Amino acid sequence: MVMINIRKRDIGLITAIVVFVLTLGLVISFGDYRTGNPKVMGHSSDEIMVNSSGVEVTLQNYIDNSGLNIEIAQAFRKDGPANSRPIITVSGSKSAFVILDNKRPQNSSQFTPTTLDGIGCNGAQGWKIAGCWMVATGSGEDIYPYNNGCISKKYDNEDAEMSVACIKIS
């Protein structure tokens, strides 16, 4: 006869293993992350409910029927060789962006470089910043917000790539 002796201190470990296995099973069954599913992380505009004059409607329905015009544009920047212009690729309206070169951080006392480069959204045309992303190959890459845009100190070494998204609601 085989006896299994489970002590009180073993219950926590067993519980943790069971929770881990169940969580892993749920993740595998509800999302195939190797192929990119689910394609929408979080909620889509068809799932979010908003109050429109006392009536609950989906966010997408509200946008479609409110007359709002939403534009989104994205710019990608990689600096070229020394003394050359930056390489800028834009999807969407080119008027959404301004180049931020040789900009001084708002609080330069906390930064070693005195001037930084980046991309901004064209506020004069009604564009607002939605987000900034940076990919860099070196170490110590930092991205800083700057007046409706983002700047970085790493462009001098040609090892940074920055993307900026802008949004315009009219």
N, C-alpha and C. Protein backbone atom coordinates (compact mmCIF):
# COMPACT_ATOMS: atom_id res chain seq x y z
N MET A 1 0.83 -1.17 0.00
CA MET A 1 0.00 0.00 0.00
C MET A 1 0.88 1.25 0.00
N VAL A 2 0.55 2.20 -0.86
CA VAL A 2 1.32 3.43 -0.99
C VAL A 2 0.64 4.51 -0.15
N MET A 3 1.43 5.17 0.68
CA MET A 3 0.88 6.26 1.49
C MET A 3 1.46 7.58 1.00
N ILE A 4 0.59 8.55 0.81
CA ILE A 4 1.01 9.89 0.42
C ILE A 4 0.77 10.79 1.63
N ASN A 5 1.82 11.42 2.06
CA ASN A 5 1.74 12.27 3.23
C ASN A 5 1.86 13.74 2.79
N ILE A 6 0.76 14.46 2.79
CA ILE A 6 0.74 15.88 2.41
C ILE A 6 0.67 16.70 3.69
N ARG A 7 1.71 17.49 3.88
CA ARG A 7 1.74 18.33 5.07
C ARG A 7 1.11 19.68 4.76
N LYS A 8 0.82 20.41 5.79
CA LYS A 8 0.15 21.71 5.65
C LYS A 8 1.01 22.68 4.82
N ARG A 9 2.32 22.63 4.96
CA ARG A 9 3.18 23.55 4.22
C ARG A 9 3.26 23.18 2.73
N ASP A 10 2.92 21.96 2.36
CA ASP A 10 2.94 21.53 0.95
C ASP A 10 1.71 22.01 0.18
N ILE A 11 0.66 22.37 0.86
CA ILE A 11 -0.59 22.77 0.19
C ILE A 11 -0.38 24.04 -0.62
N GLY A 12 0.40 25.00 -0.11
CA GLY A 12 0.67 26.23 -0.85
C GLY A 12 1.38 25.97 -2.17
N LEU A 13 2.37 25.10 -2.15
CA LEU A 13 3.10 24.75 -3.36
C LEU A 13 2.20 24.04 -4.36
N ILE A 14 1.41 23.11 -3.90
CA ILE A 14 0.49 22.38 -4.78
C ILE A 14 -0.52 23.35 -5.39
N THR A 15 -1.05 24.26 -4.58
CA THR A 15 -2.01 25.26 -5.08
C THR A 15 -1.36 26.13 -6.16
N ALA A 16 -0.13 26.57 -5.93
CA ALA A 16 0.57 27.41 -6.91
C ALA A 16 0.77 26.66 -8.23
N ILE A 17 1.12 25.39 -8.16
CA ILE A 17 1.31 24.59 -9.38
C ILE A 17 0.00 24.43 -10.13
N VAL A 18 -1.08 24.16 -9.43
CA VAL A 18 -2.39 24.00 -10.08
C VAL A 18 -2.82 25.31 -10.74
N VAL A 19 -2.65 26.44 -10.04
CA VAL A 19 -3.02 27.75 -10.62
C VAL A 19 -2.17 28.02 -11.86
N PHE A 20 -0.87 27.73 -11.81
CA PHE A 20 0.00 27.94 -12.95
C PHE A 20 -0.43 27.12 -14.15
N VAL A 21 -0.71 25.85 -13.94
CA VAL A 21 -1.13 24.97 -15.03
C VAL A 21 -2.45 25.43 -15.63
N LEU A 22 -3.41 25.82 -14.79
CA LEU A 22 -4.69 26.31 -15.30
C LEU A 22 -4.52 27.61 -16.08
N THR A 23 -3.70 28.53 -15.57
CA THR A 23 -3.45 29.79 -16.27
C THR A 23 -2.79 29.53 -17.61
N LEU A 24 -1.80 28.67 -17.63
CA LEU A 24 -1.12 28.33 -18.88
C LEU A 24 -2.11 27.72 -19.88
N GLY A 25 -2.99 26.85 -19.41
CA GLY A 25 -4.00 26.25 -20.29
C GLY A 25 -4.95 27.29 -20.86
N LEU A 26 -5.36 28.26 -20.05
CA LEU A 26 -6.25 29.31 -20.54
C LEU A 26 -5.55 30.19 -21.58
N VAL A 27 -4.30 30.54 -21.33
CA VAL A 27 -3.56 31.37 -22.29
C VAL A 27 -3.41 30.64 -23.62
N ILE A 28 -3.08 29.38 -23.57
CA ILE A 28 -2.91 28.61 -24.81
C ILE A 28 -4.24 28.44 -25.54
N SER A 29 -5.31 28.21 -24.79
CA SER A 29 -6.59 27.95 -25.46
C SER A 29 -7.25 29.21 -26.00
N PHE A 30 -7.01 30.37 -25.40
CA PHE A 30 -7.69 31.58 -25.86
C PHE A 30 -6.85 32.48 -26.73
N GLY A 31 -5.63 32.14 -27.04
CA GLY A 31 -4.84 33.00 -27.90
C GLY A 31 -3.67 32.28 -28.51
N ASP A 32 -3.60 32.28 -29.81
CA ASP A 32 -2.46 31.72 -30.52
C ASP A 32 -1.49 32.87 -30.77
N TYR A 33 -0.55 33.09 -29.87
CA TYR A 33 0.32 34.25 -29.95
C TYR A 33 1.44 34.09 -30.96
N ARG A 34 1.63 32.91 -31.50
CA ARG A 34 2.64 32.73 -32.53
C ARG A 34 2.21 33.35 -33.85
N THR A 35 0.92 33.40 -34.12
CA THR A 35 0.44 33.98 -35.38
C THR A 35 -0.18 35.36 -35.17
N GLY A 36 -0.10 35.90 -33.96
CA GLY A 36 -0.58 37.26 -33.74
C GLY A 36 -2.01 37.36 -33.27
N ASN A 37 -2.66 36.25 -32.94
CA ASN A 37 -4.03 36.33 -32.44
C ASN A 37 -4.00 36.39 -30.93
N PRO A 38 -4.82 37.11 -30.25
CA PRO A 38 -5.84 37.97 -30.84
C PRO A 38 -5.20 39.20 -31.48
N LYS A 39 -5.76 39.62 -32.57
CA LYS A 39 -5.20 40.74 -33.31
C LYS A 39 -5.39 42.06 -32.57
N VAL A 40 -6.43 42.16 -31.77
CA VAL A 40 -6.70 43.38 -31.01
C VAL A 40 -6.51 43.07 -29.54
N MET A 41 -5.53 43.69 -28.94
CA MET A 41 -5.34 43.53 -27.50
C MET A 41 -6.25 44.54 -26.81
N GLY A 42 -6.92 44.13 -25.78
CA GLY A 42 -7.84 45.03 -25.10
C GLY A 42 -9.19 44.97 -25.78
N HIS A 43 -9.85 46.12 -25.87
CA HIS A 43 -11.19 46.16 -26.45
C HIS A 43 -11.21 46.98 -27.73
N SER A 44 -12.04 46.58 -28.66
CA SER A 44 -12.21 47.35 -29.89
C SER A 44 -13.30 48.38 -29.66
N SER A 45 -13.44 49.30 -30.60
CA SER A 45 -14.46 50.35 -30.46
C SER A 45 -15.88 49.80 -30.55
N ASP A 46 -16.03 48.57 -31.04
CA ASP A 46 -17.37 47.95 -31.08
C ASP A 46 -17.74 47.32 -29.74
N GLU A 47 -16.80 47.21 -28.81
CA GLU A 47 -17.07 46.59 -27.52
C GLU A 47 -17.24 47.61 -26.39
N ILE A 48 -16.74 48.83 -26.58
CA ILE A 48 -16.80 49.85 -25.53
C ILE A 48 -18.11 50.61 -25.63
N MET A 49 -18.82 50.70 -24.52
CA MET A 49 -20.10 51.41 -24.48
C MET A 49 -19.89 52.82 -23.93
N VAL A 50 -20.52 53.81 -24.56
CA VAL A 50 -20.46 55.20 -24.10
C VAL A 50 -21.88 55.75 -24.00
N ASN A 51 -22.03 56.83 -23.23
CA ASN A 51 -23.32 57.47 -23.03
C ASN A 51 -23.46 58.60 -24.04
N SER A 52 -24.46 58.50 -24.90
CA SER A 52 -24.72 59.54 -25.90
C SER A 52 -26.12 60.08 -25.66
N SER A 53 -26.20 61.23 -25.00
CA SER A 53 -27.48 61.88 -24.67
C SER A 53 -28.41 60.94 -23.91
N GLY A 54 -27.85 60.23 -22.94
CA GLY A 54 -28.65 59.35 -22.10
C GLY A 54 -28.88 57.96 -22.66
N VAL A 55 -28.34 57.67 -23.83
CA VAL A 55 -28.50 56.35 -24.46
C VAL A 55 -27.13 55.70 -24.56
N GLU A 56 -27.05 54.43 -24.15
CA GLU A 56 -25.79 53.70 -24.25
C GLU A 56 -25.62 53.17 -25.68
N VAL A 57 -24.50 53.55 -26.31
CA VAL A 57 -24.19 53.08 -27.66
C VAL A 57 -22.72 52.65 -27.67
N THR A 58 -22.33 51.90 -28.70
CA THR A 58 -20.92 51.53 -28.80
C THR A 58 -20.11 52.76 -29.20
N LEU A 59 -18.84 52.75 -28.84
CA LEU A 59 -17.97 53.86 -29.19
C LEU A 59 -17.90 54.03 -30.70
N GLN A 60 -17.84 52.92 -31.44
CA GLN A 60 -17.78 53.02 -32.90
C GLN A 60 -19.05 53.66 -33.46
N ASN A 61 -20.21 53.29 -32.92
CA ASN A 61 -21.47 53.89 -33.35
C ASN A 61 -21.47 55.39 -33.07
N TYR A 62 -20.97 55.78 -31.90
CA TYR A 62 -20.91 57.19 -31.54
C TYR A 62 -20.01 57.96 -32.51
N ILE A 63 -18.84 57.39 -32.81
CA ILE A 63 -17.91 58.05 -33.73
C ILE A 63 -18.53 58.17 -35.12
N ASP A 64 -19.16 57.08 -35.60
CA ASP A 64 -19.75 57.08 -36.94
C ASP A 64 -20.87 58.10 -37.07
N ASN A 65 -21.65 58.31 -36.00
CA ASN A 65 -22.82 59.18 -36.07
C ASN A 65 -22.61 60.57 -35.49
N SER A 66 -21.42 60.85 -34.98
CA SER A 66 -21.20 62.16 -34.36
C SER A 66 -20.58 63.16 -35.32
N GLY A 67 -20.18 62.71 -36.47
CA GLY A 67 -19.56 63.62 -37.43
C GLY A 67 -18.09 63.88 -37.15
N LEU A 68 -17.51 63.14 -36.22
CA LEU A 68 -16.09 63.31 -35.93
C LEU A 68 -15.25 62.75 -37.07
N ASN A 69 -14.21 63.45 -37.40
CA ASN A 69 -13.26 62.97 -38.39
C ASN A 69 -11.93 62.73 -37.67
N ILE A 70 -11.50 61.48 -37.62
CA ILE A 70 -10.26 61.13 -36.92
C ILE A 70 -9.23 60.70 -37.94
N GLU A 71 -8.09 61.39 -37.92
CA GLU A 71 -6.98 61.04 -38.81
C GLU A 71 -5.80 60.59 -37.95
N ILE A 72 -5.07 59.61 -38.42
CA ILE A 72 -3.89 59.13 -37.72
C ILE A 72 -2.74 59.08 -38.73
N ALA A 73 -1.58 59.52 -38.30
CA ALA A 73 -0.39 59.48 -39.15
C ALA A 73 0.79 59.02 -38.30
N GLN A 74 1.73 58.34 -38.94
CA GLN A 74 2.90 57.86 -38.22
C GLN A 74 4.15 58.19 -39.02
N ALA A 75 5.19 58.62 -38.30
CA ALA A 75 6.47 58.93 -38.95
C ALA A 75 7.56 58.08 -38.31
N PHE A 76 8.50 57.67 -39.14
CA PHE A 76 9.64 56.87 -38.71
C PHE A 76 10.90 57.67 -39.05
N ARG A 77 11.81 57.80 -38.10
CA ARG A 77 13.03 58.58 -38.33
C ARG A 77 14.26 57.74 -38.02
N LYS A 78 15.21 57.78 -38.94
CA LYS A 78 16.54 57.21 -38.70
C LYS A 78 17.53 58.20 -39.28
N ASP A 79 18.48 58.60 -38.47
CA ASP A 79 19.46 59.55 -38.97
C ASP A 79 20.43 58.85 -39.92
N GLY A 80 20.80 59.58 -40.95
CA GLY A 80 21.75 59.07 -41.93
C GLY A 80 23.17 59.31 -41.47
N PRO A 81 24.13 59.18 -42.38
CA PRO A 81 25.53 59.43 -42.03
C PRO A 81 25.73 60.87 -41.55
N ALA A 82 26.85 61.12 -40.93
CA ALA A 82 27.14 62.45 -40.39
C ALA A 82 26.97 63.52 -41.47
N ASN A 83 26.47 64.66 -41.07
CA ASN A 83 26.26 65.83 -41.94
C ASN A 83 25.26 65.58 -43.06
N SER A 84 24.37 64.62 -42.89
CA SER A 84 23.32 64.40 -43.89
C SER A 84 21.96 64.57 -43.22
N ARG A 85 20.95 64.67 -44.02
CA ARG A 85 19.60 64.86 -43.50
C ARG A 85 19.07 63.54 -42.94
N PRO A 86 18.14 63.62 -41.96
CA PRO A 86 17.57 62.38 -41.42
C PRO A 86 16.70 61.69 -42.45
N ILE A 87 16.57 60.38 -42.32
CA ILE A 87 15.71 59.60 -43.19
C ILE A 87 14.34 59.54 -42.52
N ILE A 88 13.34 60.09 -43.17
CA ILE A 88 11.99 60.15 -42.60
C ILE A 88 11.04 59.39 -43.53
N THR A 89 10.29 58.47 -42.96
CA THR A 89 9.26 57.75 -43.71
C THR A 89 7.93 58.05 -43.04
N VAL A 90 6.94 58.45 -43.81
CA VAL A 90 5.65 58.86 -43.25
C VAL A 90 4.54 58.00 -43.83
N SER A 91 3.65 57.52 -42.96
CA SER A 91 2.40 56.92 -43.44
C SER A 91 1.30 57.84 -42.95
N GLY A 92 0.46 58.27 -43.87
CA GLY A 92 -0.56 59.27 -43.55
C GLY A 92 -0.14 60.63 -44.08
N SER A 93 -0.70 61.67 -43.51
CA SER A 93 -0.45 63.03 -43.97
C SER A 93 0.95 63.51 -43.61
N LYS A 94 1.68 63.99 -44.61
CA LYS A 94 3.02 64.53 -44.35
C LYS A 94 2.94 65.83 -43.56
N SER A 95 1.82 66.54 -43.64
CA SER A 95 1.67 67.80 -42.91
C SER A 95 1.51 67.58 -41.41
N ALA A 96 1.42 66.32 -40.97
CA ALA A 96 1.23 66.03 -39.55
C ALA A 96 2.50 66.22 -38.74
N PHE A 97 3.66 66.29 -39.39
CA PHE A 97 4.92 66.21 -38.67
C PHE A 97 5.82 67.42 -38.87
N VAL A 98 6.63 67.66 -37.87
CA VAL A 98 7.72 68.63 -37.95
C VAL A 98 8.98 67.92 -37.45
N ILE A 99 10.11 68.28 -38.02
CA ILE A 99 11.38 67.71 -37.60
C ILE A 99 11.88 68.51 -36.40
N LEU A 100 12.28 67.83 -35.36
CA LEU A 100 12.82 68.48 -34.17
C LEU A 100 14.32 68.21 -34.14
N ASP A 101 15.10 69.15 -34.63
CA ASP A 101 16.56 69.02 -34.63
C ASP A 101 17.17 70.06 -33.72
N ASN A 102 18.21 69.66 -33.00
CA ASN A 102 18.96 70.56 -32.12
C ASN A 102 18.07 71.25 -31.11
N LYS A 103 17.19 70.47 -30.49
CA LYS A 103 16.29 71.01 -29.48
C LYS A 103 16.89 70.83 -28.10
N ARG A 104 16.75 71.82 -27.28
CA ARG A 104 17.27 71.75 -25.91
C ARG A 104 16.17 71.20 -25.01
N PRO A 105 16.50 70.18 -24.20
CA PRO A 105 15.50 69.65 -23.27
C PRO A 105 14.98 70.74 -22.35
N GLN A 106 13.76 70.59 -21.90
CA GLN A 106 13.16 71.62 -21.06
C GLN A 106 13.91 71.79 -19.75
N ASN A 107 14.48 70.72 -19.21
CA ASN A 107 15.29 70.82 -18.01
C ASN A 107 16.65 70.25 -18.33
N SER A 108 17.50 71.05 -18.95
CA SER A 108 18.77 70.54 -19.45
C SER A 108 19.74 70.16 -18.34
N SER A 109 19.46 70.53 -17.10
CA SER A 109 20.38 70.20 -16.03
C SER A 109 20.46 68.70 -15.77
N GLN A 110 19.42 67.95 -16.14
CA GLN A 110 19.45 66.51 -15.89
C GLN A 110 19.94 65.71 -17.07
N PHE A 111 20.34 66.36 -18.16
CA PHE A 111 20.81 65.67 -19.34
C PHE A 111 22.23 66.09 -19.66
N THR A 112 23.05 65.15 -20.12
CA THR A 112 24.40 65.48 -20.53
C THR A 112 24.40 66.27 -21.84
N PRO A 113 23.69 65.80 -22.89
CA PRO A 113 23.71 66.57 -24.14
C PRO A 113 22.90 67.85 -24.01
N THR A 114 23.31 68.85 -24.74
CA THR A 114 22.58 70.12 -24.69
C THR A 114 21.51 70.19 -25.77
N THR A 115 21.69 69.45 -26.85
CA THR A 115 20.69 69.47 -27.92
C THR A 115 20.34 68.05 -28.33
N LEU A 116 19.07 67.84 -28.68
CA LEU A 116 18.58 66.52 -29.06
C LEU A 116 17.80 66.63 -30.37
N ASP A 117 17.59 65.49 -31.04
CA ASP A 117 16.83 65.44 -32.29
C ASP A 117 15.63 64.54 -32.14
N GLY A 118 14.62 64.72 -32.99
CA GLY A 118 13.44 63.87 -32.93
C GLY A 118 12.39 64.25 -33.95
N ILE A 119 11.15 63.96 -33.63
CA ILE A 119 10.00 64.24 -34.49
C ILE A 119 8.89 64.82 -33.63
N GLY A 120 8.15 65.77 -34.17
CA GLY A 120 7.01 66.34 -33.47
C GLY A 120 5.77 66.32 -34.33
N CYS A 121 4.62 66.50 -33.69
CA CYS A 121 3.36 66.62 -34.41
C CYS A 121 3.10 68.10 -34.68
N ASN A 122 2.57 68.41 -35.84
CA ASN A 122 2.37 69.79 -36.27
C ASN A 122 1.13 70.36 -35.60
N GLY A 123 1.31 70.99 -34.45
CA GLY A 123 0.19 71.58 -33.70
C GLY A 123 -0.51 72.68 -34.47
N ALA A 124 0.20 73.39 -35.34
CA ALA A 124 -0.41 74.45 -36.14
C ALA A 124 -1.46 73.89 -37.10
N GLN A 125 -1.32 72.62 -37.46
CA GLN A 125 -2.28 71.97 -38.35
C GLN A 125 -3.31 71.16 -37.56
N GLY A 126 -3.29 71.23 -36.21
CA GLY A 126 -4.26 70.54 -35.37
C GLY A 126 -3.86 69.13 -34.95
N TRP A 127 -2.61 68.73 -35.21
CA TRP A 127 -2.15 67.39 -34.87
C TRP A 127 -1.65 67.35 -33.44
N LYS A 128 -1.98 66.27 -32.72
CA LYS A 128 -1.55 66.05 -31.33
C LYS A 128 -0.80 64.73 -31.26
N ILE A 129 0.14 64.66 -30.36
CA ILE A 129 0.93 63.43 -30.23
C ILE A 129 0.11 62.32 -29.60
N ALA A 130 0.20 61.12 -30.18
CA ALA A 130 -0.48 59.95 -29.65
C ALA A 130 0.51 58.99 -29.00
N GLY A 131 1.77 59.02 -29.42
CA GLY A 131 2.76 58.13 -28.82
C GLY A 131 4.09 58.17 -29.54
N CYS A 132 5.14 57.73 -28.82
CA CYS A 132 6.49 57.65 -29.37
C CYS A 132 7.06 56.27 -29.05
N TRP A 133 7.84 55.74 -29.97
CA TRP A 133 8.52 54.46 -29.78
C TRP A 133 9.93 54.60 -30.28
N MET A 134 10.85 53.87 -29.67
CA MET A 134 12.23 53.96 -30.10
C MET A 134 12.87 52.58 -30.11
N VAL A 135 13.63 52.32 -31.18
CA VAL A 135 14.44 51.11 -31.27
C VAL A 135 15.87 51.58 -31.43
N ALA A 136 16.77 51.03 -30.63
CA ALA A 136 18.16 51.45 -30.72
C ALA A 136 19.07 50.24 -30.53
N THR A 137 20.26 50.33 -31.08
CA THR A 137 21.19 49.20 -31.02
C THR A 137 22.22 49.36 -29.93
N GLY A 138 22.44 50.56 -29.45
CA GLY A 138 23.45 50.80 -28.41
C GLY A 138 22.84 50.72 -27.03
N SER A 139 23.57 51.21 -26.05
CA SER A 139 23.06 51.22 -24.69
C SER A 139 22.78 52.65 -24.26
N GLY A 140 21.90 52.81 -23.31
CA GLY A 140 21.59 54.12 -22.77
C GLY A 140 20.70 54.96 -23.67
N GLU A 141 19.92 54.33 -24.52
CA GLU A 141 19.03 55.09 -25.40
C GLU A 141 17.87 55.61 -24.56
N ASP A 142 17.61 56.88 -24.67
CA ASP A 142 16.52 57.48 -23.93
C ASP A 142 15.66 58.28 -24.89
N ILE A 143 14.39 58.30 -24.62
CA ILE A 143 13.45 59.08 -25.41
C ILE A 143 12.75 60.03 -24.45
N TYR A 144 12.66 61.29 -24.83
CA TYR A 144 12.10 62.31 -23.94
C TYR A 144 10.95 63.03 -24.64
N PRO A 145 9.87 63.34 -23.91
CA PRO A 145 8.81 64.15 -24.50
C PRO A 145 9.30 65.57 -24.73
N TYR A 146 8.82 66.18 -25.80
CA TYR A 146 9.22 67.55 -26.10
C TYR A 146 8.13 68.24 -26.90
N ASN A 147 7.44 69.18 -26.33
CA ASN A 147 6.49 70.05 -27.04
C ASN A 147 5.74 69.36 -28.18
N ASN A 148 4.84 68.44 -27.86
CA ASN A 148 4.02 67.76 -28.86
C ASN A 148 4.85 66.83 -29.75
N GLY A 149 5.93 66.27 -29.19
CA GLY A 149 6.78 65.37 -29.93
C GLY A 149 7.71 64.62 -29.00
N CYS A 150 8.73 63.99 -29.57
CA CYS A 150 9.72 63.26 -28.79
C CYS A 150 11.10 63.51 -29.36
N ILE A 151 12.09 63.55 -28.47
CA ILE A 151 13.47 63.76 -28.88
C ILE A 151 14.36 62.71 -28.21
N SER A 152 15.55 62.52 -28.78
CA SER A 152 16.49 61.53 -28.24
C SER A 152 17.91 62.04 -28.41
N LYS A 153 18.80 61.62 -27.51
CA LYS A 153 20.21 62.01 -27.60
C LYS A 153 21.03 61.07 -28.45
N LYS A 154 20.48 59.95 -28.90
CA LYS A 154 21.27 58.94 -29.56
C LYS A 154 21.40 59.12 -31.07
N TYR A 155 20.82 60.16 -31.64
CA TYR A 155 20.89 60.31 -33.09
C TYR A 155 22.29 60.66 -33.57
N ASP A 156 23.11 61.21 -32.70
CA ASP A 156 24.46 61.57 -33.12
C ASP A 156 25.27 60.35 -33.55
N ASN A 157 24.97 59.20 -33.00
CA ASN A 157 25.74 57.99 -33.29
C ASN A 157 25.10 57.12 -34.37
N GLU A 158 24.02 57.55 -34.98
CA GLU A 158 23.31 56.82 -36.03
C GLU A 158 22.80 55.46 -35.57
N ASP A 159 22.52 55.29 -34.28
CA ASP A 159 22.07 53.97 -33.84
C ASP A 159 20.68 54.00 -33.21
N ALA A 160 19.89 54.99 -33.55
CA ALA A 160 18.54 55.06 -33.01
C ALA A 160 17.53 55.19 -34.14
N GLU A 161 16.38 54.59 -33.92
CA GLU A 161 15.26 54.71 -34.84
C GLU A 161 14.05 55.07 -34.00
N MET A 162 13.31 56.10 -34.40
CA MET A 162 12.17 56.56 -33.61
C MET A 162 10.92 56.59 -34.48
N SER A 163 9.80 56.17 -33.89
CA SER A 163 8.50 56.30 -34.54
C SER A 163 7.63 57.19 -33.67
N VAL A 164 6.86 58.06 -34.31
CA VAL A 164 5.95 58.96 -33.61
C VAL A 164 4.59 58.85 -34.30
N ALA A 165 3.54 58.72 -33.50
CA ALA A 165 2.18 58.70 -34.04
C ALA A 165 1.47 59.99 -33.64
N CYS A 166 0.76 60.57 -34.59
CA CYS A 166 0.00 61.79 -34.34
C CYS A 166 -1.47 61.53 -34.68
N ILE A 167 -2.36 62.25 -34.00
CA ILE A 167 -3.79 62.10 -34.22
C ILE A 167 -4.41 63.48 -34.37
N LYS A 168 -5.41 63.57 -35.24
CA LYS A 168 -6.12 64.82 -35.47
C LYS A 168 -7.62 64.52 -35.46
N ILE A 169 -8.34 65.17 -34.56
CA ILE A 169 -9.78 64.97 -34.46
C ILE A 169 -10.45 66.29 -34.84
N SER A 170 -11.32 66.23 -35.84
CA SER A 170 -12.01 67.46 -36.27
C SER A 170 -13.49 67.19 -36.46
